[in-house]
């Protein structure tokens, strides 16, 4: 059996037609919900988002910090 979901419903849920969904049987009802996917980042987008405010200070201390030997 195939289930057709109207485009309007997919848009309201924020789903793409090829997005994976989870099907649950709860109290005699079939429930279908979208599976959240992790956002995909491009390196260029991430680098572009670096600003003076969100950069950490450079830690350039050559002194040993643990049991390492220099």
Protein backbone atom coordinates (compact mmCIF):
# COMPACT_ATOMS: atom_id res chain seq x y z
CA UNK A 1 0.00 0.00 0.00
CA UNK A 2 1.17 3.52 -0.72
CA UNK A 3 0.03 6.63 1.09
CA UNK A 4 -0.12 9.95 -0.73
CA UNK A 5 0.36 13.07 1.40
CA UNK A 6 -0.91 16.32 -0.13
CA UNK A 7 1.74 18.92 -0.97
CA UNK A 8 0.00 21.48 1.24
CA UNK A 9 0.38 19.19 4.26
CA UNK A 10 4.07 18.57 3.49
CA UNK A 11 4.69 22.31 3.21
CA UNK A 12 2.93 22.98 6.52
CA UNK A 13 5.15 20.38 8.20
CA UNK A 14 8.24 21.82 6.53
CA UNK A 15 8.94 18.52 4.75
CA UNK A 16 10.41 17.86 1.35
CA UNK A 17 8.72 15.15 -0.76
CA UNK A 18 11.77 12.86 -0.45
CA UNK A 19 12.32 13.42 3.29
CA UNK A 20 12.36 10.36 5.52
CA UNK A 21 9.48 9.90 7.95
CA UNK A 22 8.83 7.81 11.03
CA UNK A 23 5.62 5.79 11.26
CA UNK A 24 4.19 5.04 14.70
CA UNK A 25 1.20 2.99 15.79
CA UNK A 26 -0.20 4.60 18.93
CA UNK A 27 -3.53 3.62 20.49
CA UNK A 28 -4.80 2.20 17.20
CA UNK A 29 -3.78 5.27 15.19
CA UNK A 30 -1.08 5.44 12.54
CA UNK A 31 1.01 8.58 13.03
CA UNK A 32 3.56 9.80 10.54
CA UNK A 33 6.13 12.44 11.45
CA UNK A 34 9.25 13.77 9.76
CA UNK A 35 12.63 12.58 10.95
CA UNK A 36 14.79 15.55 11.89
CA UNK A 37 17.94 15.69 9.83
CA UNK A 38 21.17 17.37 10.87
CA UNK A 39 21.87 20.59 9.01
CA UNK A 40 24.49 20.38 6.30
CA UNK A 41 27.21 23.01 6.49
CA UNK A 42 29.66 24.13 3.87
CA UNK A 43 33.15 25.14 5.03
CA UNK A 44 32.85 28.46 3.21
CA UNK A 45 29.66 29.30 5.15
CA UNK A 46 31.30 28.46 8.47
CA UNK A 47 34.45 30.45 7.76
CA UNK A 48 32.36 33.41 6.58
CA UNK A 49 30.56 33.39 9.96
CA UNK A 50 33.81 33.93 11.90
CA UNK A 51 33.93 37.43 13.36
CA UNK A 52 36.16 39.28 15.80
CA UNK A 53 33.46 38.77 18.46
CA UNK A 54 33.25 34.98 18.19
CA UNK A 55 36.98 34.24 17.82
CA UNK A 56 38.87 32.98 20.82
CA UNK A 57 42.19 34.40 21.88
CA UNK A 58 45.33 32.72 20.61
CA UNK A 59 46.97 30.54 23.25
CA UNK A 60 50.62 30.46 22.33
CA UNK A 61 52.34 29.31 25.49
CA UNK A 62 55.26 26.96 24.96
CA UNK A 63 55.44 26.01 28.62
CA UNK A 64 54.55 22.38 29.44
CA UNK A 65 50.97 22.02 30.69
CA UNK A 66 51.07 18.42 31.85
CA UNK A 67 53.61 15.61 31.92
CA UNK A 68 54.88 16.20 28.39
CA UNK A 69 58.58 16.84 27.88
CA UNK A 70 59.83 19.68 25.68
